[in-house]
């Protein structure tokens, strides 16, 4: 019993020491300040702009630094308690460095936009990928993919909207993330369902 208690106390002390040495997982919370994370010995931040109105503007500042000044594949920063990571694939936000969500994507002209608003709509046909629209919301894209499947008289059609894969059968539309997770599956009948 004494050995067991001693082992528990020792493990508890080791956990406290390890926890005390772990890097702080908190982004700076100063109002209106855009921060860039430096890679100098752990998590350190330097202010790159003040009086920044929102996280999107901070992300644009970080993206400009990444592309124009640093010429690096990614840059990390923070704004009012949230982390920001800018990469060529888009801008990611989150309260922690792990589990971030892509919040902005680059447009064809180099600007930034929310990915849920518009995306390229593509259909995979026997003749290769066919671009249906360059910039469209998801619901009209799905409706156009259903219409394309019906016009081609094929039992299934695969397509893509933004980074999501769209599978259309004669009775169901399935929207999947790039890693295969199902975002939404909708059953319908006919060739012109009311997709909302």
C-alpha atoms as a PDB file:
ATOM      1  CA  UNK A   1       0.000   0.000   0.000  1.00  0.00           C
ATOM      2  CA  UNK A   2       2.812   2.419   0.896  1.00  0.00           C
ATOM      3  CA  UNK A   3       4.554   1.653  -2.432  1.00  0.00           C
ATOM      4  CA  UNK A   4       1.337   2.366  -4.323  1.00  0.00           C
ATOM      5  CA  UNK A   5       0.830   5.731  -2.537  1.00  0.00           C
ATOM      6  CA  UNK A   6       4.485   6.633  -3.128  1.00  0.00           C
ATOM      7  CA  UNK A   7       4.186   5.810  -6.820  1.00  0.00           C
ATOM      8  CA  UNK A   8       1.038   7.939  -7.133  1.00  0.00           C
ATOM      9  CA  UNK A   9       2.712  10.907  -5.410  1.00  0.00           C
ATOM     10  CA  UNK A  10       5.792  10.565  -7.658  1.00  0.00           C
ATOM     11  CA  UNK A  11       3.654  10.396 -10.798  1.00  0.00           C
ATOM     12  CA  UNK A  12       1.669  13.426  -9.620  1.00  0.00           C
ATOM     13  CA  UNK A  13       4.844  15.458  -9.094  1.00  0.00           C
ATOM     14  CA  UNK A  14       6.177  14.442 -12.528  1.00  0.00           C
ATOM     15  CA  UNK A  15       2.881  15.515 -14.107  1.00  0.00           C
ATOM     16  CA  UNK A  16       3.077  18.907 -12.358  1.00  0.00           C
ATOM     17  CA  UNK A  17       6.662  19.432 -13.553  1.00  0.00           C
ATOM     18  CA  UNK A  18       5.802  18.438 -17.136  1.00  0.00           C
ATOM     19  CA  UNK A  19       2.704  20.654 -17.082  1.00  0.00           C
ATOM     20  CA  UNK A  20       4.762  23.575 -15.794  1.00  0.00           C
ATOM     21  CA  UNK A  21       7.268  23.172 -18.645  1.00  0.00           C
ATOM     22  CA  UNK A  22       4.671  22.826 -21.379  1.00  0.00           C
ATOM     23  CA  UNK A  23       4.282  25.819 -23.666  1.00  0.00           C
ATOM     24  CA  UNK A  24       1.426  28.191 -22.975  1.00  0.00           C
ATOM     25  CA  UNK A  25      -1.452  27.289 -25.307  1.00  0.00           C
ATOM     26  CA  UNK A  26      -3.092  30.670 -25.138  1.00  0.00           C
ATOM     27  CA  UNK A  27      -3.126  33.230 -27.898  1.00  0.00           C
ATOM     28  CA  UNK A  28      -2.738  36.904 -26.905  1.00  0.00           C
ATOM     29  CA  UNK A  29      -6.079  38.547 -26.162  1.00  0.00           C
ATOM     30  CA  UNK A  30      -5.239  42.246 -26.607  1.00  0.00           C
ATOM     31  CA  UNK A  31      -8.136  44.019 -28.345  1.00  0.00           C
ATOM     32  CA  UNK A  32      -7.444  45.059 -31.936  1.00  0.00           C
ATOM     33  CA  UNK A  33      -3.862  43.768 -32.056  1.00  0.00           C
ATOM     34  CA  UNK A  34      -2.737  41.386 -34.797  1.00  0.00           C
ATOM     35  CA  UNK A  35       0.126  39.123 -33.717  1.00  0.00           C
ATOM     36  CA  UNK A  36       2.637  36.997 -35.642  1.00  0.00           C
ATOM     37  CA  UNK A  37       3.948  33.903 -33.907  1.00  0.00           C
ATOM     38  CA  UNK A  38       7.712  33.615 -34.037  1.00  0.00           C
ATOM     39  CA  UNK A  39       9.541  30.300 -33.938  1.00  0.00           C
ATOM     40  CA  UNK A  40      12.130  31.512 -31.432  1.00  0.00           C
ATOM     41  CA  UNK A  41      12.127  29.016 -28.550  1.00  0.00           C
ATOM     42  CA  UNK A  42       8.470  28.129 -28.190  1.00  0.00           C
ATOM     43  CA  UNK A  43       5.377  30.268 -28.497  1.00  0.00           C
ATOM     44  CA  UNK A  44       6.324  33.925 -28.764  1.00  0.00           C
ATOM     45  CA  UNK A  45       4.404  36.660 -30.479  1.00  0.00           C
ATOM     46  CA  UNK A  46       5.262  39.989 -32.058  1.00  0.00           C
ATOM     47  CA  UNK A  47       2.675  42.632 -32.853  1.00  0.00           C
ATOM     48  CA  UNK A  48       2.353  43.333 -36.586  1.00  0.00           C
ATOM     49  CA  UNK A  49      -0.609  45.749 -36.536  1.00  0.00           C
ATOM     50  CA  UNK A  50      -2.833  47.582 -34.065  1.00  0.00           C
ATOM     51  CA  UNK A  51      -6.359  48.980 -34.369  1.00  0.00           C
ATOM     52  CA  UNK A  52      -7.278  45.949 -36.479  1.00  0.00           C
ATOM     53  CA  UNK A  53     -11.102  45.777 -36.746  1.00  0.00           C
ATOM     54  CA  UNK A  54     -11.537  41.995 -37.111  1.00  0.00           C
ATOM     55  CA  UNK A  55      -9.852  38.608 -37.439  1.00  0.00           C
ATOM     56  CA  UNK A  56     -10.256  38.600 -41.220  1.00  0.00           C
ATOM     57  CA  UNK A  57      -8.204  41.816 -41.534  1.00  0.00           C
ATOM     58  CA  UNK A  58      -5.538  40.341 -39.245  1.00  0.00           C
ATOM     59  CA  UNK A  59      -5.479  37.209 -41.421  1.00  0.00           C
ATOM     60  CA  UNK A  60      -5.018  39.380 -44.521  1.00  0.00           C
ATOM     61  CA  UNK A  61      -2.083  41.141 -42.815  1.00  0.00           C
ATOM     62  CA  UNK A  62      -0.485  37.790 -41.967  1.00  0.00           C
ATOM     63  CA  UNK A  63      -1.063  36.475 -45.491  1.00  0.00           C
ATOM     64  CA  UNK A  64       0.635  39.562 -46.953  1.00  0.00           C
ATOM     65  CA  UNK A  65       3.626  39.056 -44.624  1.00  0.00           C
ATOM     66  CA  UNK A  66       3.786  35.364 -45.573  1.00  0.00           C
ATOM     67  CA  UNK A  67       3.677  35.954 -49.320  1.00  0.00           C
ATOM     68  CA  UNK A  68       5.487  39.258 -49.754  1.00  0.00           C
ATOM     69  CA  UNK A  69       8.059  39.432 -46.972  1.00  0.00           C
ATOM     70  CA  UNK A  70       8.800  35.954 -45.637  1.00  0.00           C
ATOM     71  CA  UNK A  71       8.009  33.929 -48.779  1.00  0.00           C
ATOM     72  CA  UNK A  72       7.246  30.909 -46.575  1.00  0.00           C
ATOM     73  CA  UNK A  73       4.620  28.167 -47.029  1.00  0.00           C
ATOM     74  CA  UNK A  74       2.843  29.093 -43.789  1.00  0.00           C
ATOM     75  CA  UNK A  75       2.697  31.653 -41.022  1.00  0.00           C
ATOM     76  CA  UNK A  76       0.956  31.536 -37.649  1.00  0.00           C
ATOM     77  CA  UNK A  77      -0.445  34.407 -35.648  1.00  0.00           C
ATOM     78  CA  UNK A  78      -3.227  35.416 -33.307  1.00  0.00           C
ATOM     79  CA  UNK A  79      -6.043  37.907 -32.856  1.00  0.00           C
ATOM     80  CA  UNK A  80      -8.001  38.503 -29.647  1.00  0.00           C
ATOM     81  CA  UNK A  81      -7.484  34.996 -28.245  1.00  0.00           C
ATOM     82  CA  UNK A  82      -7.806  33.012 -31.486  1.00  0.00           C
ATOM     83  CA  UNK A  83      -4.970  31.499 -33.474  1.00  0.00           C
ATOM     84  CA  UNK A  84      -4.604  32.122 -37.199  1.00  0.00           C
ATOM     85  CA  UNK A  85      -2.603  30.039 -39.661  1.00  0.00           C
ATOM     86  CA  UNK A  86      -2.146  31.252 -43.247  1.00  0.00           C
ATOM     87  CA  UNK A  87      -1.221  28.681 -45.906  1.00  0.00           C
ATOM     88  CA  UNK A  88      -1.598  28.561 -49.689  1.00  0.00           C
ATOM     89  CA  UNK A  89      -4.734  26.417 -49.195  1.00  0.00           C
ATOM     90  CA  UNK A  90      -6.426  29.074 -47.077  1.00  0.00           C
ATOM     91  CA  UNK A  91      -6.650  30.788 -43.710  1.00  0.00           C
ATOM     92  CA  UNK A  92      -7.424  28.700 -40.623  1.00  0.00           C
ATOM     93  CA  UNK A  93      -8.837  29.988 -37.300  1.00  0.00           C
ATOM     94  CA  UNK A  94      -9.211  28.334 -33.912  1.00  0.00           C
ATOM     95  CA  UNK A  95      -8.892  28.748 -30.151  1.00  0.00           C
ATOM     96  CA  UNK A  96      -6.016  26.207 -30.141  1.00  0.00           C
ATOM     97  CA  UNK A  97      -3.289  25.334 -32.611  1.00  0.00           C
ATOM     98  CA  UNK A  98      -4.777  21.867 -33.029  1.00  0.00           C
ATOM     99  CA  UNK A  99      -8.222  21.401 -34.546  1.00  0.00           C
ATOM    100  CA  UNK A 100      -8.339  24.654 -36.498  1.00  0.00           C
ATOM    101  CA  UNK A 101     -11.070  25.265 -39.081  1.00  0.00           C
ATOM    102  CA  UNK A 102     -10.488  26.723 -42.545  1.00  0.00           C
ATOM    103  CA  UNK A 103     -12.264  30.047 -42.454  1.00  0.00           C
ATOM    104  CA  UNK A 104     -11.055  31.809 -45.597  1.00  0.00           C
ATOM    105  CA  UNK A 105      -9.878  30.645 -49.015  1.00  0.00           C
ATOM    106  CA  UNK A 106      -7.994  32.499 -51.685  1.00  0.00           C
ATOM    107  CA  UNK A 107      -9.935  33.727 -54.696  1.00  0.00           C
ATOM    108  CA  UNK A 108      -8.599  33.647 -58.256  1.00  0.00           C
ATOM    109  CA  UNK A 109      -7.587  37.313 -57.965  1.00  0.00           C
ATOM    110  CA  UNK A 110      -5.626  36.705 -54.726  1.00  0.00           C
ATOM    111  CA  UNK A 111      -8.310  38.010 -52.357  1.00  0.00           C
ATOM    112  CA  UNK A 112      -9.781  36.153 -49.387  1.00  0.00           C
ATOM    113  CA  UNK A 113     -13.357  34.882 -48.976  1.00  0.00           C
ATOM    114  CA  UNK A 114     -15.286  32.541 -46.697  1.00  0.00           C
ATOM    115  CA  UNK A 115     -15.217  29.042 -48.242  1.00  0.00           C
ATOM    116  CA  UNK A 116     -18.877  28.316 -47.512  1.00  0.00           C
ATOM    117  CA  UNK A 117     -20.056  31.185 -49.690  1.00  0.00           C
ATOM    118  CA  UNK A 118     -18.753  30.190 -53.102  1.00  0.00           C
ATOM    119  CA  UNK A 119     -16.646  27.494 -54.668  1.00  0.00           C
ATOM    120  CA  UNK A 120     -15.871  25.932 -58.018  1.00  0.00           C
ATOM    121  CA  UNK A 121     -18.459  23.401 -59.143  1.00  0.00           C
ATOM    122  CA  UNK A 122     -17.042  20.497 -61.160  1.00  0.00           C
ATOM    123  CA  UNK A 123     -18.603  17.359 -62.623  1.00  0.00           C
ATOM    124  CA  UNK A 124     -16.569  14.227 -63.360  1.00  0.00           C
ATOM    125  CA  UNK A 125     -17.865  12.835 -66.670  1.00  0.00           C
ATOM    126  CA  UNK A 126     -16.630  10.146 -69.052  1.00  0.00           C
ATOM    127  CA  UNK A 127     -14.743  12.896 -70.895  1.00  0.00           C
ATOM    128  CA  UNK A 128     -12.929  14.146 -67.760  1.00  0.00           C
ATOM    129  CA  UNK A 129     -13.740  16.921 -65.319  1.00  0.00           C
ATOM    130  CA  UNK A 130     -16.184  19.494 -66.595  1.00  0.00           C
ATOM    131  CA  UNK A 131     -16.336  22.910 -64.933  1.00  0.00           C
ATOM    132  CA  UNK A 132     -19.966  23.858 -64.376  1.00  0.00           C
ATOM    133  CA  UNK A 133     -19.292  27.152 -62.550  1.00  0.00           C
ATOM    134  CA  UNK A 134     -16.152  28.876 -61.274  1.00  0.00           C
ATOM    135  CA  UNK A 135     -17.871  30.506 -58.296  1.00  0.00           C
ATOM    136  CA  UNK A 136     -21.228  29.305 -57.000  1.00  0.00           C
ATOM    137  CA  UNK A 137     -22.913  28.464 -53.690  1.00  0.00           C
ATOM    138  CA  UNK A 138     -23.207  24.812 -52.720  1.00  0.00           C
ATOM    139  CA  UNK A 139     -26.997  24.370 -53.217  1.00  0.00           C
ATOM    140  CA  UNK A 140     -27.058  25.574 -56.858  1.00  0.00           C
ATOM    141  CA  UNK A 141     -23.954  23.449 -57.521  1.00  0.00           C
ATOM    142  CA  UNK A 142     -25.689  20.320 -56.205  1.00  0.00           C
ATOM    143  CA  UNK A 143     -28.805  21.117 -58.261  1.00  0.00           C
ATOM    144  CA  UNK A 144     -26.661  21.534 -61.390  1.00  0.00           C
ATOM    145  CA  UNK A 145     -24.881  18.210 -60.680  1.00  0.00           C
ATOM    146  CA  UNK A 146     -28.275  16.465 -60.366  1.00  0.00           C
ATOM    147  CA  UNK A 147     -29.407  18.023 -63.657  1.00  0.00           C
ATOM    148  CA  UNK A 148     -26.140  16.930 -65.311  1.00  0.00           C
ATOM    149  CA  UNK A 149     -26.585  13.338 -64.053  1.00  0.00           C
ATOM    150  CA  UNK A 150     -30.125  13.266 -65.425  1.00  0.00           C
ATOM    151  CA  UNK A 151     -29.098  14.787 -68.778  1.00  0.00           C
ATOM    152  CA  UNK A 152     -26.318  12.199 -69.167  1.00  0.00           C
ATOM    153  CA  UNK A 153     -28.748   9.413 -68.126  1.00  0.00           C
ATOM    154  CA  UNK A 154     -26.087   7.913 -65.874  1.00  0.00           C
ATOM    155  CA  UNK A 155     -26.934   6.144 -62.582  1.00  0.00           C
ATOM    156  CA  UNK A 156     -24.263   8.039 -60.626  1.00  0.00           C
ATOM    157  CA  UNK A 157     -22.235  11.209 -61.032  1.00  0.00           C
ATOM    158  CA  UNK A 158     -19.309  12.415 -58.974  1.00  0.00           C
ATOM    159  CA  UNK A 159     -18.551  16.068 -58.659  1.00  0.00           C
ATOM    160  CA  UNK A 160     -16.763  18.575 -56.524  1.00  0.00           C
ATOM    161  CA  UNK A 161     -17.723  21.830 -54.850  1.00  0.00           C
ATOM    162  CA  UNK A 162     -14.826  23.766 -53.365  1.00  0.00           C
ATOM    163  CA  UNK A 163     -12.863  21.067 -51.473  1.00  0.00           C
ATOM    164  CA  UNK A 164     -15.883  18.801 -50.906  1.00  0.00           C
ATOM    165  CA  UNK A 165     -16.765  15.762 -53.004  1.00  0.00           C
ATOM    166  CA  UNK A 166     -20.368  15.449 -54.176  1.00  0.00           C
ATOM    167  CA  UNK A 167     -21.818  12.038 -55.121  1.00  0.00           C
ATOM    168  CA  UNK A 168     -25.170  12.011 -56.922  1.00  0.00           C
ATOM    169  CA  UNK A 169     -27.257   8.864 -57.439  1.00  0.00           C
ATOM    170  CA  UNK A 170     -30.859   8.548 -58.598  1.00  0.00           C
ATOM    171  CA  UNK A 171     -32.073   8.973 -55.013  1.00  0.00           C
ATOM    172  CA  UNK A 172     -29.352  10.607 -52.873  1.00  0.00           C
ATOM    173  CA  UNK A 173     -26.792  13.388 -52.811  1.00  0.00           C
ATOM    174  CA  UNK A 174     -23.823  12.962 -50.468  1.00  0.00           C
ATOM    175  CA  UNK A 175     -21.405  15.771 -49.622  1.00  0.00           C
ATOM    176  CA  UNK A 176     -18.045  14.638 -48.189  1.00  0.00           C
ATOM    177  CA  UNK A 177     -14.980  16.448 -46.869  1.00  0.00           C
ATOM    178  CA  UNK A 178     -11.573  15.957 -48.481  1.00  0.00           C
ATOM    179  CA  UNK A 179     -10.811  13.227 -45.911  1.00  0.00           C
ATOM    180  CA  UNK A 180     -14.017  11.318 -46.723  1.00  0.00           C
ATOM    181  CA  UNK A 181     -16.182  12.308 -43.749  1.00  0.00           C
ATOM    182  CA  UNK A 182     -19.855  12.782 -44.653  1.00  0.00           C
ATOM    183  CA  UNK A 183     -20.979  16.388 -44.212  1.00  0.00           C
ATOM    184  CA  UNK A 184     -24.526  15.855 -45.445  1.00  0.00           C
ATOM    185  CA  UNK A 185     -26.586  13.193 -47.198  1.00  0.00           C
ATOM    186  CA  UNK A 186     -29.947  14.118 -48.699  1.00  0.00           C
ATOM    187  CA  UNK A 187     -32.487  11.700 -50.206  1.00  0.00           C
ATOM    188  CA  UNK A 188     -34.715  12.790 -53.076  1.00  0.00           C
ATOM    189  CA  UNK A 189     -36.589  11.396 -56.063  1.00  0.00           C
ATOM    190  CA  UNK A 190     -36.666  12.650 -59.622  1.00  0.00           C
ATOM    191  CA  UNK A 191     -34.306  14.803 -61.617  1.00  0.00           C
ATOM    192  CA  UNK A 192     -35.180  18.239 -60.266  1.00  0.00           C
ATOM    193  CA  UNK A 193     -35.329  18.103 -56.454  1.00  0.00           C
ATOM    194  CA  UNK A 194     -35.731  21.232 -54.375  1.00  0.00           C
ATOM    195  CA  UNK A 195     -32.196  21.509 -52.936  1.00  0.00           C
ATOM    196  CA  UNK A 196     -31.909  24.108 -50.193  1.00  0.00           C
END
